[in-house]
């Protein structure tokens, strides 16, 4: 039984943990203390769109230790369901808070993802920001599935380093499927899919101002910064998400469910 996992709401059939940032960090630290294996997915509209359209990806979320509300719309929907304590659990911020706590606890980290050299840059950035943090390895994967030799090299490196946590930054849904498939094969306790956190914390990509993050407009900022890569995704998924909520409501489906239902 997953005793450390918080309650979940359901949005369009997919689970989202009914948590605040503080509750998420505490759940992570408890799982590390108990050596309770699991992975953490960060849920936004893109994540739930992927799960709505692909049952196999919904299964990835079902098996996660935490599916945190990374997007403000999910927080607002959670509050509509009576979860007044829910706050945004933004991946890059969760990473920093867990890293800060790990300095005192002694838990170790492994960084998997990013363009060539980014994981090493991130290691140095985190070591400057959190003196005493223990980052025991990095790995930069190719932009395709690992071949046999690459997979063996990664598993060997992780087996030798034995990190308590592995931070995965290869983008949704690829990172979530990777965690589901590799968690049982790796000598680690927790894996986190944190996407663009690698680029944000190395200064390669600008983050949206705080007011835009709090008002649910971070997507617009990111589209303005990277229109060719992101415009199609956001201008498709955001309206589609709203339409599906409305359609399910008119059809009498329970597109929003409180914990325990």
C-alpha atoms as a PDB file:
ATOM      1  CA  UNK A   1       0.000   0.000   0.000  1.00  0.00           C
ATOM      2  CA  UNK A   2       1.284   3.478  -0.889  1.00  0.00           C
ATOM      3  CA  UNK A   3       0.949   4.908   2.628  1.00  0.00           C
ATOM      4  CA  UNK A   4       2.759   8.181   1.918  1.00  0.00           C
ATOM      5  CA  UNK A   5       0.700   9.152  -1.133  1.00  0.00           C
ATOM      6  CA  UNK A   6      -1.839  11.984  -0.640  1.00  0.00           C
ATOM      7  CA  UNK A   7      -5.461  11.906  -1.815  1.00  0.00           C
ATOM      8  CA  UNK A   8      -6.250  12.492  -5.476  1.00  0.00           C
ATOM      9  CA  UNK A   9      -8.917  14.298  -7.422  1.00  0.00           C
ATOM     10  CA  UNK A  10      -9.816  13.287 -10.972  1.00  0.00           C
ATOM     11  CA  UNK A  11      -9.928  15.614 -13.963  1.00  0.00           C
ATOM     12  CA  UNK A  12     -11.173  14.171 -17.258  1.00  0.00           C
ATOM     13  CA  UNK A  13     -10.564  10.698 -15.850  1.00  0.00           C
ATOM     14  CA  UNK A  14      -6.951  11.259 -14.805  1.00  0.00           C
ATOM     15  CA  UNK A  15      -5.602  11.447 -11.242  1.00  0.00           C
ATOM     16  CA  UNK A  16      -4.134  14.658  -9.825  1.00  0.00           C
ATOM     17  CA  UNK A  17      -2.753  14.727  -6.290  1.00  0.00           C
ATOM     18  CA  UNK A  18      -4.701  17.126  -4.034  1.00  0.00           C
ATOM     19  CA  UNK A  19      -1.609  18.752  -2.554  1.00  0.00           C
ATOM     20  CA  UNK A  20       0.152  22.006  -1.822  1.00  0.00           C
ATOM     21  CA  UNK A  21       3.841  22.579  -2.419  1.00  0.00           C
ATOM     22  CA  UNK A  22       4.641  22.009   1.270  1.00  0.00           C
ATOM     23  CA  UNK A  23       2.636  18.776   1.333  1.00  0.00           C
ATOM     24  CA  UNK A  24       4.421  17.552  -1.797  1.00  0.00           C
ATOM     25  CA  UNK A  25       7.853  18.187  -0.286  1.00  0.00           C
ATOM     26  CA  UNK A  26       6.879  16.444   2.944  1.00  0.00           C
ATOM     27  CA  UNK A  27       5.515  13.436   1.030  1.00  0.00           C
ATOM     28  CA  UNK A  28       8.781  13.232  -0.924  1.00  0.00           C
ATOM     29  CA  UNK A  29      10.899  13.378   2.232  1.00  0.00           C
ATOM     30  CA  UNK A  30       8.777  10.673   3.923  1.00  0.00           C
ATOM     31  CA  UNK A  31       9.112   8.421   0.892  1.00  0.00           C
ATOM     32  CA  UNK A  32      12.891   8.908   0.903  1.00  0.00           C
ATOM     33  CA  UNK A  33      13.102   8.063   4.594  1.00  0.00           C
ATOM     34  CA  UNK A  34      11.028   4.910   4.067  1.00  0.00           C
ATOM     35  CA  UNK A  35      12.877   4.081   0.826  1.00  0.00           C
ATOM     36  CA  UNK A  36       9.477   3.826  -0.838  1.00  0.00           C
ATOM     37  CA  UNK A  37      10.082   3.615  -4.580  1.00  0.00           C
ATOM     38  CA  UNK A  38       7.964   5.749  -6.864  1.00  0.00           C
ATOM     39  CA  UNK A  39       7.944   8.469  -9.476  1.00  0.00           C
ATOM     40  CA  UNK A  40       6.529  11.992  -9.547  1.00  0.00           C
ATOM     41  CA  UNK A  41       4.707  13.378 -12.593  1.00  0.00           C
ATOM     42  CA  UNK A  42       3.959  17.069 -13.039  1.00  0.00           C
ATOM     43  CA  UNK A  43       0.475  17.539 -14.454  1.00  0.00           C
ATOM     44  CA  UNK A  44      -0.642  20.394 -16.635  1.00  0.00           C
ATOM     45  CA  UNK A  45      -3.146  20.671 -19.451  1.00  0.00           C
ATOM     46  CA  UNK A  46      -0.763  18.958 -21.881  1.00  0.00           C
ATOM     47  CA  UNK A  47      -0.357  16.013 -19.508  1.00  0.00           C
ATOM     48  CA  UNK A  48      -4.107  15.529 -19.065  1.00  0.00           C
ATOM     49  CA  UNK A  49      -4.711  15.936 -22.799  1.00  0.00           C
ATOM     50  CA  UNK A  50      -2.201  13.180 -23.487  1.00  0.00           C
ATOM     51  CA  UNK A  51      -3.858  10.954 -20.875  1.00  0.00           C
ATOM     52  CA  UNK A  52      -7.345  11.643 -22.270  1.00  0.00           C
ATOM     53  CA  UNK A  53      -6.260  10.578 -25.736  1.00  0.00           C
ATOM     54  CA  UNK A  54      -3.988   7.655 -24.797  1.00  0.00           C
ATOM     55  CA  UNK A  55      -5.057   5.077 -22.223  1.00  0.00           C
ATOM     56  CA  UNK A  56      -1.513   3.780 -21.857  1.00  0.00           C
ATOM     57  CA  UNK A  57      -0.358   7.214 -20.718  1.00  0.00           C
ATOM     58  CA  UNK A  58      -3.250   7.480 -18.268  1.00  0.00           C
ATOM     59  CA  UNK A  59      -1.894   4.232 -16.801  1.00  0.00           C
ATOM     60  CA  UNK A  60       1.474   5.981 -16.310  1.00  0.00           C
ATOM     61  CA  UNK A  61      -0.259   8.611 -14.159  1.00  0.00           C
ATOM     62  CA  UNK A  62      -2.263   6.018 -12.245  1.00  0.00           C
ATOM     63  CA  UNK A  63       0.947   4.276 -11.181  1.00  0.00           C
ATOM     64  CA  UNK A  64       2.746   7.466 -10.094  1.00  0.00           C
ATOM     65  CA  UNK A  65       3.516   8.225  -6.462  1.00  0.00           C
ATOM     66  CA  UNK A  66       2.502  11.861  -7.001  1.00  0.00           C
ATOM     67  CA  UNK A  67       0.818  13.627  -9.918  1.00  0.00           C
ATOM     68  CA  UNK A  68       1.279  17.214  -8.813  1.00  0.00           C
ATOM     69  CA  UNK A  69      -0.818  20.175 -10.069  1.00  0.00           C
ATOM     70  CA  UNK A  70       1.862  21.911 -12.115  1.00  0.00           C
ATOM     71  CA  UNK A  71      -0.636  24.170 -13.930  1.00  0.00           C
ATOM     72  CA  UNK A  72      -2.884  26.798 -12.357  1.00  0.00           C
ATOM     73  CA  UNK A  73      -6.062  25.552 -14.135  1.00  0.00           C
ATOM     74  CA  UNK A  74      -5.711  22.260 -12.257  1.00  0.00           C
ATOM     75  CA  UNK A  75      -5.403  24.147  -8.966  1.00  0.00           C
ATOM     76  CA  UNK A  76      -8.550  26.154  -9.732  1.00  0.00           C
ATOM     77  CA  UNK A  77     -10.474  22.985 -10.587  1.00  0.00           C
ATOM     78  CA  UNK A  78      -9.228  21.354  -7.392  1.00  0.00           C
ATOM     79  CA  UNK A  79     -10.544  24.263  -5.359  1.00  0.00           C
ATOM     80  CA  UNK A  80     -13.918  23.887  -7.105  1.00  0.00           C
ATOM     81  CA  UNK A  81     -13.913  20.333  -5.755  1.00  0.00           C
ATOM     82  CA  UNK A  82     -13.383  21.591  -2.204  1.00  0.00           C
ATOM     83  CA  UNK A  83      -9.617  21.111  -2.031  1.00  0.00           C
ATOM     84  CA  UNK A  84      -8.940  24.582  -0.689  1.00  0.00           C
ATOM     85  CA  UNK A  85      -5.404  23.676   0.384  1.00  0.00           C
ATOM     86  CA  UNK A  86      -4.239  22.882  -3.171  1.00  0.00           C
ATOM     87  CA  UNK A  87      -1.546  25.136  -4.601  1.00  0.00           C
ATOM     88  CA  UNK A  88       0.522  25.004  -7.734  1.00  0.00           C
ATOM     89  CA  UNK A  89       3.385  22.526  -7.427  1.00  0.00           C
ATOM     90  CA  UNK A  90       5.598  23.981 -10.127  1.00  0.00           C
ATOM     91  CA  UNK A  91       8.280  21.518 -11.214  1.00  0.00           C
ATOM     92  CA  UNK A  92      11.289  23.853 -11.151  1.00  0.00           C
ATOM     93  CA  UNK A  93      10.297  25.126  -7.690  1.00  0.00           C
ATOM     94  CA  UNK A  94       9.693  21.603  -6.368  1.00  0.00           C
ATOM     95  CA  UNK A  95      13.164  20.676  -7.541  1.00  0.00           C
ATOM     96  CA  UNK A  96      14.746  23.571  -5.660  1.00  0.00           C
ATOM     97  CA  UNK A  97      12.825  22.884  -2.457  1.00  0.00           C
ATOM     98  CA  UNK A  98      13.702  19.197  -2.434  1.00  0.00           C
ATOM     99  CA  UNK A  99      17.350  20.012  -3.207  1.00  0.00           C
ATOM    100  CA  UNK A 100      17.413  22.446  -0.295  1.00  0.00           C
ATOM    101  CA  UNK A 101      15.970  19.873   2.103  1.00  0.00           C
ATOM    102  CA  UNK A 102      18.398  17.209   0.889  1.00  0.00           C
ATOM    103  CA  UNK A 103      21.411  19.198   2.079  1.00  0.00           C
ATOM    104  CA  UNK A 104      20.369  18.521   5.669  1.00  0.00           C
ATOM    105  CA  UNK A 105      19.084  14.990   5.102  1.00  0.00           C
ATOM    106  CA  UNK A 106      22.087  13.851   3.046  1.00  0.00           C
ATOM    107  CA  UNK A 107      20.015  12.348   0.236  1.00  0.00           C
ATOM    108  CA  UNK A 108      21.738  12.152  -3.132  1.00  0.00           C
ATOM    109  CA  UNK A 109      20.760  13.213  -6.658  1.00  0.00           C
ATOM    110  CA  UNK A 110      21.293  12.111 -10.258  1.00  0.00           C
ATOM    111  CA  UNK A 111      20.500  14.361 -13.251  1.00  0.00           C
ATOM    112  CA  UNK A 112      19.185  12.750 -16.453  1.00  0.00           C
ATOM    113  CA  UNK A 113      18.280  14.911 -19.430  1.00  0.00           C
ATOM    114  CA  UNK A 114      18.930  18.133 -21.258  1.00  0.00           C
ATOM    115  CA  UNK A 115      20.917  18.998 -24.356  1.00  0.00           C
ATOM    116  CA  UNK A 116      24.598  17.979 -24.366  1.00  0.00           C
ATOM    117  CA  UNK A 117      26.338  19.577 -21.397  1.00  0.00           C
ATOM    118  CA  UNK A 118      23.179  20.897 -19.711  1.00  0.00           C
ATOM    119  CA  UNK A 119      23.065  18.279 -16.953  1.00  0.00           C
ATOM    120  CA  UNK A 120      26.662  19.105 -15.999  1.00  0.00           C
ATOM    121  CA  UNK A 121      25.829  22.825 -16.047  1.00  0.00           C
ATOM    122  CA  UNK A 122      22.849  22.155 -13.811  1.00  0.00           C
ATOM    123  CA  UNK A 123      24.997  20.161 -11.409  1.00  0.00           C
ATOM    124  CA  UNK A 124      27.351  23.108 -11.008  1.00  0.00           C
ATOM    125  CA  UNK A 125      24.480  25.581 -10.662  1.00  0.00           C
ATOM    126  CA  UNK A 126      22.819  23.528  -7.921  1.00  0.00           C
ATOM    127  CA  UNK A 127      26.129  23.031  -6.104  1.00  0.00           C
ATOM    128  CA  UNK A 128      26.642  26.803  -6.084  1.00  0.00           C
ATOM    129  CA  UNK A 129      23.115  27.437  -4.877  1.00  0.00           C
ATOM    130  CA  UNK A 130      23.053  24.683  -2.234  1.00  0.00           C
ATOM    131  CA  UNK A 131      26.531  24.167  -0.766  1.00  0.00           C
ATOM    132  CA  UNK A 132      26.816  20.610   0.499  1.00  0.00           C
ATOM    133  CA  UNK A 133      24.306  19.103  -1.933  1.00  0.00           C
ATOM    134  CA  UNK A 134      25.358  15.644  -3.125  1.00  0.00           C
ATOM    135  CA  UNK A 135      24.902  15.181  -6.883  1.00  0.00           C
ATOM    136  CA  UNK A 136      26.430  11.802  -7.691  1.00  0.00           C
ATOM    137  CA  UNK A 137      26.004  11.625 -11.454  1.00  0.00           C
ATOM    138  CA  UNK A 138      24.673  13.072 -14.707  1.00  0.00           C
ATOM    139  CA  UNK A 139      23.617  11.547 -18.016  1.00  0.00           C
ATOM    140  CA  UNK A 140      22.711  13.266 -21.277  1.00  0.00           C
ATOM    141  CA  UNK A 141      20.439  10.964 -23.319  1.00  0.00           C
ATOM    142  CA  UNK A 142      19.966  11.103 -27.102  1.00  0.00           C
ATOM    143  CA  UNK A 143      16.720  12.441 -28.585  1.00  0.00           C
ATOM    144  CA  UNK A 144      15.463   8.914 -29.250  1.00  0.00           C
ATOM    145  CA  UNK A 145      14.990   5.717 -27.225  1.00  0.00           C
ATOM    146  CA  UNK A 146      18.191   4.378 -25.687  1.00  0.00           C
ATOM    147  CA  UNK A 147      19.863   1.596 -27.619  1.00  0.00           C
ATOM    148  CA  UNK A 148      21.183  -1.491 -25.858  1.00  0.00           C
ATOM    149  CA  UNK A 149      24.665  -0.136 -25.162  1.00  0.00           C
ATOM    150  CA  UNK A 150      23.344   3.211 -23.910  1.00  0.00           C
ATOM    151  CA  UNK A 151      20.825   1.538 -21.663  1.00  0.00           C
ATOM    152  CA  UNK A 152      23.456  -0.734 -20.123  1.00  0.00           C
ATOM    153  CA  UNK A 153      25.783   2.230 -19.586  1.00  0.00           C
ATOM    154  CA  UNK A 154      23.042   4.194 -17.831  1.00  0.00           C
ATOM    155  CA  UNK A 155      21.976   1.293 -15.610  1.00  0.00           C
ATOM    156  CA  UNK A 156      25.602   0.607 -14.691  1.00  0.00           C
ATOM    157  CA  UNK A 157      26.235   4.257 -13.832  1.00  0.00           C
ATOM    158  CA  UNK A 158      23.117   4.435 -11.641  1.00  0.00           C
ATOM    159  CA  UNK A 159      23.940   1.109  -9.952  1.00  0.00           C
ATOM    160  CA  UNK A 160      27.393   2.449  -9.024  1.00  0.00           C
ATOM    161  CA  UNK A 161      26.137   5.856  -7.859  1.00  0.00           C
ATOM    162  CA  UNK A 162      23.025   4.569  -6.017  1.00  0.00           C
ATOM    163  CA  UNK A 163      21.278   7.976  -6.000  1.00  0.00           C
ATOM    164  CA  UNK A 164      18.270   8.494  -3.767  1.00  0.00           C
ATOM    165  CA  UNK A 165      16.636  10.638  -6.470  1.00  0.00           C
ATOM    166  CA  UNK A 166      16.823  10.881 -10.236  1.00  0.00           C
ATOM    167  CA  UNK A 167      15.652  14.118 -11.888  1.00  0.00           C
ATOM    168  CA  UNK A 168      14.451  13.513 -15.455  1.00  0.00           C
ATOM    169  CA  UNK A 169      14.287  16.438 -17.869  1.00  0.00           C
ATOM    170  CA  UNK A 170      13.304  15.145 -21.306  1.00  0.00           C
ATOM    171  CA  UNK A 171       9.776  16.566 -21.621  1.00  0.00           C
ATOM    172  CA  UNK A 172       6.253  15.208 -21.234  1.00  0.00           C
ATOM    173  CA  UNK A 173       5.105  12.536 -22.077  1.00  0.00           C
ATOM    174  CA  UNK A 174       8.516  11.010 -22.817  1.00  0.00           C
ATOM    175  CA  UNK A 175       9.883  11.571 -19.298  1.00  0.00           C
ATOM    176  CA  UNK A 176       6.814  10.079 -17.626  1.00  0.00           C
ATOM    177  CA  UNK A 177       6.929   6.907 -19.680  1.00  0.00           C
ATOM    178  CA  UNK A 178      10.669   6.669 -19.058  1.00  0.00           C
ATOM    179  CA  UNK A 179      10.149   6.793 -15.289  1.00  0.00           C
ATOM    180  CA  UNK A 180       7.404   4.166 -15.409  1.00  0.00           C
ATOM    181  CA  UNK A 181       9.567   1.835 -17.488  1.00  0.00           C
ATOM    182  CA  UNK A 182      12.881   2.284 -15.686  1.00  0.00           C
ATOM    183  CA  UNK A 183      12.054   2.809 -12.000  1.00  0.00           C
ATOM    184  CA  UNK A 184      12.041  -0.893 -11.149  1.00  0.00           C
ATOM    185  CA  UNK A 185      15.345  -1.386 -12.997  1.00  0.00           C
ATOM    186  CA  UNK A 186      17.261   1.369 -11.230  1.00  0.00           C
ATOM    187  CA  UNK A 187      18.870   1.443  -7.797  1.00  0.00           C
ATOM    188  CA  UNK A 188      17.072   4.590  -6.696  1.00  0.00           C
ATOM    189  CA  UNK A 189      14.063   5.542  -4.575  1.00  0.00           C
ATOM    190  CA  UNK A 190      12.307   8.404  -6.358  1.00  0.00           C
ATOM    191  CA  UNK A 191      12.269   9.746  -9.904  1.00  0.00           C
ATOM    192  CA  UNK A 192      10.925  13.186 -10.858  1.00  0.00           C
ATOM    193  CA  UNK A 193       9.873  14.326 -14.340  1.00  0.00           C
ATOM    194  CA  UNK A 194      10.670  18.046 -14.296  1.00  0.00           C
ATOM    195  CA  UNK A 195      10.834  18.933 -17.997  1.00  0.00           C
ATOM    196  CA  UNK A 196      12.162  22.422 -18.625  1.00  0.00           C
ATOM    197  CA  UNK A 197      13.621  22.789 -15.113  1.00  0.00           C
ATOM    198  CA  UNK A 198      17.026  21.826 -16.515  1.00  0.00           C
ATOM    199  CA  UNK A 199      16.960  24.776 -18.923  1.00  0.00           C
ATOM    200  CA  UNK A 200      15.407  27.192 -16.428  1.00  0.00           C
ATOM    201  CA  UNK A 201      17.945  26.547 -13.665  1.00  0.00           C
ATOM    202  CA  UNK A 202      20.916  26.839 -16.017  1.00  0.00           C
ATOM    203  CA  UNK A 203      19.613  30.123 -17.432  1.00  0.00           C
ATOM    204  CA  UNK A 204      19.167  28.745 -20.940  1.00  0.00           C
ATOM    205  CA  UNK A 205      15.444  29.554 -21.001  1.00  0.00           C
ATOM    206  CA  UNK A 206      13.711  32.494 -19.327  1.00  0.00           C
ATOM    207  CA  UNK A 207      10.986  31.849 -16.786  1.00  0.00           C
ATOM    208  CA  UNK A 208       7.723  33.769 -16.811  1.00  0.00           C
ATOM    209  CA  UNK A 209       7.325  36.584 -14.251  1.00  0.00           C
ATOM    210  CA  UNK A 210       5.690  35.531 -11.006  1.00  0.00           C
ATOM    211  CA  UNK A 211       2.445  37.366 -11.720  1.00  0.00           C
ATOM    212  CA  UNK A 212       2.028  35.498 -15.010  1.00  0.00           C
ATOM    213  CA  UNK A 213       2.659  32.175 -13.292  1.00  0.00           C
ATOM    214  CA  UNK A 214       0.097  32.934 -10.569  1.00  0.00           C
ATOM    215  CA  UNK A 215      -2.539  34.073 -13.080  1.00  0.00           C
ATOM    216  CA  UNK A 216      -2.194  31.012 -15.309  1.00  0.00           C
ATOM    217  CA  UNK A 217      -0.506  32.893 -18.149  1.00  0.00           C
ATOM    218  CA  UNK A 218       2.887  31.195 -18.116  1.00  0.00           C
ATOM    219  CA  UNK A 219       1.879  29.296 -21.269  1.00  0.00           C
ATOM    220  CA  UNK A 220       1.457  32.599 -23.119  1.00  0.00           C
ATOM    221  CA  UNK A 221       4.900  33.796 -22.016  1.00  0.00           C
ATOM    222  CA  UNK A 222       6.473  30.546 -23.177  1.00  0.00           C
ATOM    223  CA  UNK A 223       4.717  30.725 -26.552  1.00  0.00           C
ATOM    224  CA  UNK A 224       6.055  34.264 -27.041  1.00  0.00           C
ATOM    225  CA  UNK A 225       9.569  33.045 -26.229  1.00  0.00           C
ATOM    226  CA  UNK A 226       9.434  29.869 -28.371  1.00  0.00           C
ATOM    227  CA  UNK A 227       6.554  30.279 -30.856  1.00  0.00           C
ATOM    228  CA  UNK A 228       7.731  27.726 -33.427  1.00  0.00           C
ATOM    229  CA  UNK A 229       8.114  24.950 -30.845  1.00  0.00           C
ATOM    230  CA  UNK A 230       5.219  25.671 -28.485  1.00  0.00           C
ATOM    231  CA  UNK A 231       2.442  27.592 -30.293  1.00  0.00           C
ATOM    232  CA  UNK A 232       0.871  24.535 -31.887  1.00  0.00           C
ATOM    233  CA  UNK A 233       0.835  22.630 -28.605  1.00  0.00           C
ATOM    234  CA  UNK A 234      -0.767  25.330 -26.490  1.00  0.00           C
ATOM    235  CA  UNK A 235      -3.235  26.683 -29.059  1.00  0.00           C
ATOM    236  CA  UNK A 236      -4.487  23.136 -29.634  1.00  0.00           C
ATOM    237  CA  UNK A 237      -4.478  21.708 -26.099  1.00  0.00           C
ATOM    238  CA  UNK A 238      -5.815  24.643 -24.070  1.00  0.00           C
ATOM    239  CA  UNK A 239      -9.107  25.140 -25.967  1.00  0.00           C
ATOM    240  CA  UNK A 240      -9.496  21.360 -26.330  1.00  0.00           C
ATOM    241  CA  UNK A 241      -9.162  20.884 -22.577  1.00  0.00           C
ATOM    242  CA  UNK A 242     -11.908  23.439 -21.858  1.00  0.00           C
ATOM    243  CA  UNK A 243     -14.147  21.983 -24.570  1.00  0.00           C
ATOM    244  CA  UNK A 244     -13.842  18.470 -23.143  1.00  0.00           C
ATOM    245  CA  UNK A 245     -14.762  19.655 -19.652  1.00  0.00           C
ATOM    246  CA  UNK A 246     -17.862  21.415 -21.039  1.00  0.00           C
ATOM    247  CA  UNK A 247     -18.803  18.485 -23.301  1.00  0.00           C
ATOM    248  CA  UNK A 248     -18.541  15.936 -20.492  1.00  0.00           C
ATOM    249  CA  UNK A 249     -20.628  18.149 -18.215  1.00  0.00           C
ATOM    250  CA  UNK A 250     -23.411  18.425 -20.806  1.00  0.00           C
ATOM    251  CA  UNK A 251     -23.271  14.655 -21.364  1.00  0.00           C
ATOM    252  CA  UNK A 252     -23.630  13.996 -17.642  1.00  0.00           C
ATOM    253  CA  UNK A 253     -20.145  12.536 -17.243  1.00  0.00           C
ATOM    254  CA  UNK A 254     -18.192  13.122 -14.043  1.00  0.00           C
ATOM    255  CA  UNK A 255     -15.259  14.963 -15.591  1.00  0.00           C
ATOM    256  CA  UNK A 256     -14.344  16.347 -12.149  1.00  0.00           C
ATOM    257  CA  UNK A 257     -14.286  14.066  -9.115  1.00  0.00           C
ATOM    258  CA  UNK A 258     -13.331  14.777  -5.516  1.00  0.00           C
ATOM    259  CA  UNK A 259     -11.140  12.300  -3.561  1.00  0.00           C
ATOM    260  CA  UNK A 260     -12.840   9.037  -2.697  1.00  0.00           C
ATOM    261  CA  UNK A 261     -15.219   9.000  -5.676  1.00  0.00           C
END
